[in-house]
PDB file of N, CA and C in Angstrom:
ATOM      1  N   UNK A   1       0.822  -1.193   0.000  1.00  0.00           N
ATOM      2  CA  UNK A   1       0.000   0.000   0.000  1.00  0.00           C
ATOM      3  C   UNK A   1       0.866   1.257   0.000  1.00  0.00           C
ATOM      4  N   UNK A   2       1.905   1.251   0.784  1.00  0.00           N
ATOM      5  CA  UNK A   2       2.741   2.456   0.916  1.00  0.00           C
ATOM      6  C   UNK A   2       3.747   2.598  -0.214  1.00  0.00           C
ATOM      7  N   UNK A   3       4.136   1.505  -0.825  1.00  0.00           N
ATOM      8  CA  UNK A   3       5.212   1.576  -1.810  1.00  0.00           C
ATOM      9  C   UNK A   3       4.755   2.131  -3.157  1.00  0.00           C
ATOM     10  N   UNK A   4       3.479   2.036  -3.481  1.00  0.00           N
ATOM     11  CA  UNK A   4       3.017   2.582  -4.753  1.00  0.00           C
ATOM     12  C   UNK A   4       2.479   3.996  -4.563  1.00  0.00           C
ATOM     13  N   UNK A   5       2.581   4.789  -5.599  1.00  0.00           N
ATOM     14  CA  UNK A   5       2.248   6.213  -5.509  1.00  0.00           C
ATOM     15  C   UNK A   5       0.785   6.463  -5.162  1.00  0.00           C
ATOM     16  N   UNK A   6      -0.107   5.691  -5.757  1.00  0.00           N
ATOM     17  CA  UNK A   6      -1.543   5.890  -5.538  1.00  0.00           C
ATOM     18  C   UNK A   6      -2.164   4.792  -4.679  1.00  0.00           C
ATOM     19  N   UNK A   7      -1.374   4.012  -3.985  1.00  0.00           N
ATOM     20  CA  UNK A   7      -1.913   2.926  -3.175  1.00  0.00           C
ATOM     21  C   UNK A   7      -2.181   1.694  -4.017  1.00  0.00           C
ATOM     22  N   UNK A   8      -3.071   0.838  -3.544  1.00  0.00           N
ATOM     23  CA  UNK A   8      -3.394  -0.392  -4.250  1.00  0.00           C
ATOM     24  C   UNK A   8      -4.887  -0.662  -4.075  1.00  0.00           C
ATOM     25  N   UNK A   9      -5.533  -1.117  -5.120  1.00  0.00           N
ATOM     26  CA  UNK A   9      -6.970  -1.360  -5.059  1.00  0.00           C
ATOM     27  C   UNK A   9      -7.255  -2.730  -4.456  1.00  0.00           C
ATOM     28  N   UNK A  10      -8.478  -2.905  -4.010  1.00  0.00           N
ATOM     29  CA  UNK A  10      -8.896  -4.201  -3.469  1.00  0.00           C
ATOM     30  C   UNK A  10      -8.879  -5.257  -4.568  1.00  0.00           C
ATOM     31  N   UNK A  11      -9.193  -4.843  -5.791  1.00  0.00           N
ATOM     32  CA  UNK A  11      -9.180  -5.802  -6.895  1.00  0.00           C
ATOM     33  C   UNK A  11      -7.763  -6.289  -7.190  1.00  0.00           C
ATOM     34  N   UNK A  12      -6.794  -5.393  -7.095  1.00  0.00           N
ATOM     35  CA  UNK A  12      -5.403  -5.801  -7.303  1.00  0.00           C
ATOM     36  C   UNK A  12      -4.940  -6.716  -6.168  1.00  0.00           C
ATOM     37  N   UNK A  13      -5.347  -6.424  -4.932  1.00  0.00           N
ATOM     38  CA  UNK A  13      -5.034  -7.327  -3.812  1.00  0.00           C
ATOM     39  C   UNK A  13      -5.630  -8.704  -4.056  1.00  0.00           C
ATOM     40  N   UNK A  14      -6.847  -8.735  -4.554  1.00  0.00           N
ATOM     41  CA  UNK A  14      -7.540  -9.986  -4.866  1.00  0.00           C
ATOM     42  C   UNK A  14      -6.733 -10.831  -5.848  1.00  0.00           C
ATOM     43  N   UNK A  15      -6.182 -10.190  -6.875  1.00  0.00           N
ATOM     44  CA  UNK A  15      -5.391 -10.923  -7.865  1.00  0.00           C
ATOM     45  C   UNK A  15      -4.046 -11.359  -7.305  1.00  0.00           C
ATOM     46  N   UNK A  16      -3.369 -10.484  -6.557  1.00  0.00           N
ATOM     47  CA  UNK A  16      -2.027 -10.777  -6.058  1.00  0.00           C
ATOM     48  C   UNK A  16      -2.064 -11.840  -4.961  1.00  0.00           C
ATOM     49  N   UNK A  17      -3.009 -11.715  -4.033  1.00  0.00           N
ATOM     50  CA  UNK A  17      -3.070 -12.650  -2.902  1.00  0.00           C
ATOM     51  C   UNK A  17      -3.812 -13.940  -3.219  1.00  0.00           C
ATOM     52  N   UNK A  18      -4.464 -13.982  -4.380  1.00  0.00           N
ATOM     53  CA  UNK A  18      -5.243 -15.144  -4.801  1.00  0.00           C
ATOM     54  C   UNK A  18      -6.278 -15.524  -3.738  1.00  0.00           C
ATOM     55  N   UNK A  19      -7.022 -14.528  -3.284  1.00  0.00           N
ATOM     56  CA  UNK A  19      -8.107 -14.741  -2.340  1.00  0.00           C
ATOM     57  C   UNK A  19      -9.374 -14.160  -2.951  1.00  0.00           C
ATOM     58  N   UNK A  20     -10.487 -14.268  -2.259  1.00  0.00           N
ATOM     59  CA  UNK A  20     -11.724 -13.724  -2.795  1.00  0.00           C
ATOM     60  C   UNK A  20     -11.685 -12.203  -2.755  1.00  0.00           C
ATOM     61  N   UNK A  21     -12.505 -11.583  -3.604  1.00  0.00           N
ATOM     62  CA  UNK A  21     -12.551 -10.123  -3.634  1.00  0.00           C
ATOM     63  C   UNK A  21     -13.062  -9.578  -2.309  1.00  0.00           C
ATOM     64  N   UNK A  22     -14.002 -10.278  -1.713  1.00  0.00           N
ATOM     65  CA  UNK A  22     -14.567  -9.851  -0.426  1.00  0.00           C
ATOM     66  C   UNK A  22     -13.486  -9.805   0.652  1.00  0.00           C
ATOM     67  N   UNK A  23     -12.617 -10.804   0.686  1.00  0.00           N
ATOM     68  CA  UNK A  23     -11.512 -10.843   1.642  1.00  0.00           C
ATOM     69  C   UNK A  23     -10.516  -9.720   1.371  1.00  0.00           C
ATOM     70  N   UNK A  24     -10.190  -9.504   0.101  1.00  0.00           N
ATOM     71  CA  UNK A  24      -9.250  -8.448  -0.270  1.00  0.00           C
ATOM     72  C   UNK A  24      -9.808  -7.072   0.096  1.00  0.00           C
ATOM     73  N   UNK A  25     -11.102  -6.857  -0.114  1.00  0.00           N
ATOM     74  CA  UNK A  25     -11.737  -5.585   0.235  1.00  0.00           C
ATOM     75  C   UNK A  25     -11.651  -5.346   1.737  1.00  0.00           C
ATOM     76  N   UNK A  26     -11.938  -6.395   2.519  1.00  0.00           N
ATOM     77  CA  UNK A  26     -11.878  -6.295   3.976  1.00  0.00           C
ATOM     78  C   UNK A  26     -10.453  -5.989   4.442  1.00  0.00           C
ATOM     79  N   UNK A  27      -9.468  -6.691   3.882  1.00  0.00           N
ATOM     80  CA  UNK A  27      -8.066  -6.455   4.230  1.00  0.00           C
ATOM     81  C   UNK A  27      -7.632  -5.037   3.885  1.00  0.00           C
ATOM     82  N   UNK A  28      -8.029  -4.556   2.714  1.00  0.00           N
ATOM     83  CA  UNK A  28      -7.657  -3.206   2.291  1.00  0.00           C
ATOM     84  C   UNK A  28      -8.195  -2.165   3.262  1.00  0.00           C
ATOM     85  N   UNK A  29      -9.443  -2.323   3.685  1.00  0.00           N
ATOM     86  CA  UNK A  29     -10.020  -1.375   4.638  1.00  0.00           C
ATOM     87  C   UNK A  29      -9.332  -1.443   5.992  1.00  0.00           C
ATOM     88  N   UNK A  30      -9.003  -2.645   6.438  1.00  0.00           N
ATOM     89  CA  UNK A  30      -8.299  -2.786   7.716  1.00  0.00           C
ATOM     90  C   UNK A  30      -6.908  -2.167   7.659  1.00  0.00           C
ATOM     91  N   UNK A  31      -6.199  -2.374   6.560  1.00  0.00           N
ATOM     92  CA  UNK A  31      -4.848  -1.812   6.408  1.00  0.00           C
ATOM     93  C   UNK A  31      -4.909  -0.295   6.366  1.00  0.00           C
ATOM     94  N   UNK A  32      -5.852   0.248   5.603  1.00  0.00           N
ATOM     95  CA  UNK A  32      -5.998   1.704   5.521  1.00  0.00           C
ATOM     96  C   UNK A  32      -6.344   2.300   6.877  1.00  0.00           C
ATOM     97  N   UNK A  33      -7.202   1.631   7.625  1.00  0.00           N
ATOM     98  CA  UNK A  33      -7.574   2.114   8.958  1.00  0.00           C
ATOM     99  C   UNK A  33      -6.368   2.094   9.899  1.00  0.00           C
ATOM    100  N   UNK A  34      -5.539   1.063   9.801  1.00  0.00           N
ATOM    101  CA  UNK A  34      -4.344   0.977  10.645  1.00  0.00           C
ATOM    102  C   UNK A  34      -3.332   2.057  10.285  1.00  0.00           C
ATOM    103  N   UNK A  35      -3.283   2.454   9.022  1.00  0.00           N
ATOM    104  CA  UNK A  35      -2.337   3.475   8.577  1.00  0.00           C
ATOM    105  C   UNK A  35      -2.810   4.888   8.904  1.00  0.00           C
ATOM    106  N   UNK A  36      -4.064   5.047   9.321  1.00  0.00           N
ATOM    107  CA  UNK A  36      -4.671   6.355   9.527  1.00  0.00           C
ATOM    108  C   UNK A  36      -4.380   6.945  10.901  1.00  0.00           C
ATOM    109  N   UNK A  37      -3.494   6.407  11.632  1.00  0.00           N
ATOM    110  CA  UNK A  37      -3.226   6.825  13.007  1.00  0.00           C
ATOM    111  C   UNK A  37      -2.916   8.320  13.101  1.00  0.00           C
ATOM    112  N   UNK A  38      -3.537   8.994  14.087  1.00  0.00           N
ATOM    113  CA  UNK A  38      -3.298  10.415  14.299  1.00  0.00           C
ATOM    114  C   UNK A  38      -2.197  10.673  15.322  1.00  0.00           C
ATOM    115  N   UNK A  39      -1.972   9.716  16.196  1.00  0.00           N
ATOM    116  CA  UNK A  39      -0.911   9.898  17.185  1.00  0.00           C
ATOM    117  C   UNK A  39       0.407   9.386  16.616  1.00  0.00           C
ATOM    118  N   UNK A  40       1.475  10.036  16.996  1.00  0.00           N
ATOM    119  CA  UNK A  40       2.783   9.682  16.464  1.00  0.00           C
ATOM    120  C   UNK A  40       3.645   9.004  17.515  1.00  0.00           C
ATOM    121  N   UNK A  41       3.012   8.172  18.336  1.00  0.00           N
ATOM    122  CA  UNK A  41       3.730   7.384  19.334  1.00  0.00           C
ATOM    123  C   UNK A  41       4.405   6.205  18.630  1.00  0.00           C
ATOM    124  N   UNK A  42       5.509   5.721  19.172  1.00  0.00           N
ATOM    125  CA  UNK A  42       6.140   4.533  18.593  1.00  0.00           C
ATOM    126  C   UNK A  42       5.189   3.333  18.673  1.00  0.00           C
ATOM    127  N   UNK A  43       5.294   2.431  17.714  1.00  0.00           N
ATOM    128  CA  UNK A  43       4.443   1.246  17.732  1.00  0.00           C
ATOM    129  C   UNK A  43       4.682   0.453  19.010  1.00  0.00           C
ATOM    130  N   UNK A  44       3.640   0.029  19.658  1.00  0.00           N
ATOM    131  CA  UNK A  44       3.756  -0.737  20.881  1.00  0.00           C
ATOM    132  C   UNK A  44       3.831   0.140  22.118  1.00  0.00           C
ATOM    133  N   UNK A  45       4.115   1.414  21.986  1.00  0.00           N
ATOM    134  CA  UNK A  45       4.217   2.317  23.123  1.00  0.00           C
ATOM    135  C   UNK A  45       5.658   2.683  23.410  1.00  0.00           C
ATOM    136  N   UNK A  46       5.840   3.547  24.380  1.00  0.00           N
ATOM    137  CA  UNK A  46       7.189   3.979  24.744  1.00  0.00           C
ATOM    138  C   UNK A  46       7.989   2.838  25.367  1.00  0.00           C
ATOM    139  N   UNK A  47       9.170   2.591  24.840  1.00  0.00           N
ATOM    140  CA  UNK A  47      10.063   1.588  25.400  1.00  0.00           C
ATOM    141  C   UNK A  47       9.660   0.156  25.144  1.00  0.00           C
ATOM    142  N   UNK A  48       8.684  -0.077  24.299  1.00  0.00           N
ATOM    143  CA  UNK A  48       8.224  -1.435  24.002  1.00  0.00           C
ATOM    144  C   UNK A  48       8.868  -1.941  22.717  1.00  0.00           C
ATOM    145  N   UNK A  49       8.893  -3.246  22.561  1.00  0.00           N
ATOM    146  CA  UNK A  49       9.478  -3.878  21.383  1.00  0.00           C
ATOM    147  C   UNK A  49       8.369  -4.436  20.513  1.00  0.00           C
ATOM    148  N   UNK A  50       8.462  -4.209  19.209  1.00  0.00           N
ATOM    149  CA  UNK A  50       7.511  -4.759  18.255  1.00  0.00           C
ATOM    150  C   UNK A  50       8.283  -5.694  17.342  1.00  0.00           C
ATOM    151  N   UNK A  51       7.774  -6.910  17.180  1.00  0.00           N
ATOM    152  CA  UNK A  51       8.421  -7.881  16.308  1.00  0.00           C
ATOM    153  C   UNK A  51       7.519  -8.167  15.127  1.00  0.00           C
ATOM    154  N   UNK A  52       8.120  -8.322  13.950  1.00  0.00           N
ATOM    155  CA  UNK A  52       7.366  -8.653  12.741  1.00  0.00           C
ATOM    156  C   UNK A  52       8.107  -9.754  11.996  1.00  0.00           C
ATOM    157  N   UNK A  53       7.372 -10.766  11.587  1.00  0.00           N
ATOM    158  CA  UNK A  53       7.942 -11.869  10.827  1.00  0.00           C
ATOM    159  C   UNK A  53       7.428 -11.798   9.400  1.00  0.00           C
ATOM    160  N   UNK A  54       8.101 -12.523   8.504  1.00  0.00           N
ATOM    161  CA  UNK A  54       7.640 -12.592   7.127  1.00  0.00           C
ATOM    162  C   UNK A  54       6.426 -13.494   7.050  1.00  0.00           C
ATOM    163  N   UNK A  55       5.502 -13.156   6.187  1.00  0.00           N
ATOM    164  CA  UNK A  55       4.294 -13.940   6.005  1.00  0.00           C
ATOM    165  C   UNK A  55       4.136 -14.260   4.537  1.00  0.00           C
ATOM    166  N   UNK A  56       3.848 -15.503   4.235  1.00  0.00           N
ATOM    167  CA  UNK A  56       3.589 -15.930   2.876  1.00  0.00           C
ATOM    168  C   UNK A  56       2.140 -16.356   2.792  1.00  0.00           C
ATOM    169  N   UNK A  57       1.399 -15.778   1.840  1.00  0.00           N
ATOM    170  CA  UNK A  57       0.002 -16.122   1.644  1.00  0.00           C
ATOM    171  C   UNK A  57      -0.120 -16.769   0.282  1.00  0.00           C
ATOM    172  N   UNK A  58      -0.762 -17.917   0.237  1.00  0.00           N
ATOM    173  CA  UNK A  58      -0.910 -18.629  -1.026  1.00  0.00           C
ATOM    174  C   UNK A  58      -0.040 -19.864  -1.032  1.00  0.00           C
ATOM    175  N   UNK A  59      -0.015 -20.509  -2.163  1.00  0.00           N
ATOM    176  CA  UNK A  59       0.772 -21.739  -2.231  1.00  0.00           C
ATOM    177  C   UNK A  59       2.196 -21.435  -2.651  1.00  0.00           C
ATOM    178  N   UNK A  60       3.070 -22.306  -2.274  1.00  0.00           N
ATOM    179  CA  UNK A  60       4.481 -22.166  -2.605  1.00  0.00           C
ATOM    180  C   UNK A  60       4.750 -22.895  -3.916  1.00  0.00           C
ATOM    181  N   UNK A  61       5.389 -22.215  -4.838  1.00  0.00           N
ATOM    182  CA  UNK A  61       5.685 -22.800  -6.141  1.00  0.00           C
ATOM    183  C   UNK A  61       7.048 -23.464  -6.067  1.00  0.00           C
ATOM    184  N   UNK A  62       7.092 -24.738  -6.422  1.00  0.00           N
ATOM    185  CA  UNK A  62       8.360 -25.463  -6.453  1.00  0.00           C
ATOM    186  C   UNK A  62       8.551 -26.038  -7.851  1.00  0.00           C
ATOM    187  N   UNK A  63       9.774 -26.078  -8.268  1.00  0.00           N
ATOM    188  CA  UNK A  63      10.101 -26.631  -9.572  1.00  0.00           C
ATOM    189  C   UNK A  63      10.896 -27.912  -9.340  1.00  0.00           C
ATOM    190  N   UNK A  64      10.386 -28.987  -9.898  1.00  0.00           N
ATOM    191  CA  UNK A  64      11.063 -30.279  -9.739  1.00  0.00           C
ATOM    192  C   UNK A  64      11.548 -30.756 -11.100  1.00  0.00           C
ATOM    193  N   UNK A  65      12.714 -31.292 -11.100  1.00  0.00           N
ATOM    194  CA  UNK A  65      13.276 -31.816 -12.339  1.00  0.00           C
ATOM    195  C   UNK A  65      12.667 -33.174 -12.644  1.00  0.00           C
ATOM    196  N   UNK A  66      12.342 -33.430 -13.878  1.00  0.00           N
ATOM    197  CA  UNK A  66      11.765 -34.706 -14.268  1.00  0.00           C
ATOM    198  C   UNK A  66      12.839 -35.675 -14.786  1.00  0.00           C
ATOM    199  N   UNK A  67      14.082 -35.201 -14.874  1.00  0.00           N
ATOM    200  CA  UNK A  67      15.168 -36.063 -15.324  1.00  0.00           C
ATOM    201  C   UNK A  67      15.669 -36.949 -14.193  1.00  0.00           C
ATOM    202  N   UNK A  68      15.999 -38.171 -14.518  1.00  0.00           N
ATOM    203  CA  UNK A  68      16.603 -39.073 -13.538  1.00  0.00           C
ATOM    204  C   UNK A  68      18.120 -38.975 -13.655  1.00  0.00           C
ATOM    205  N   UNK A  69      18.811 -38.899 -12.565  1.00  0.00           N
ATOM    206  CA  UNK A  69      20.270 -38.791 -12.581  1.00  0.00           C
ATOM    207  C   UNK A  69      20.921 -40.110 -12.399  1.00  0.00           C
TER     208      UNK A  69
END
């Protein structure tokens, strides 16, 4: 959402995440609401630690060789 100049549409989220449009619309609204914060406090509060892990949504694509060695 933040990396593109004009944001991202729910329909584009639907295509990228390979989920239903209804789910993508809900996620887009939740993300926009989270980004709308008026207070400029650090995430988690003063002196708190926030951890974020990588998340993969969808299936993992693997390529397998069909040749026998």
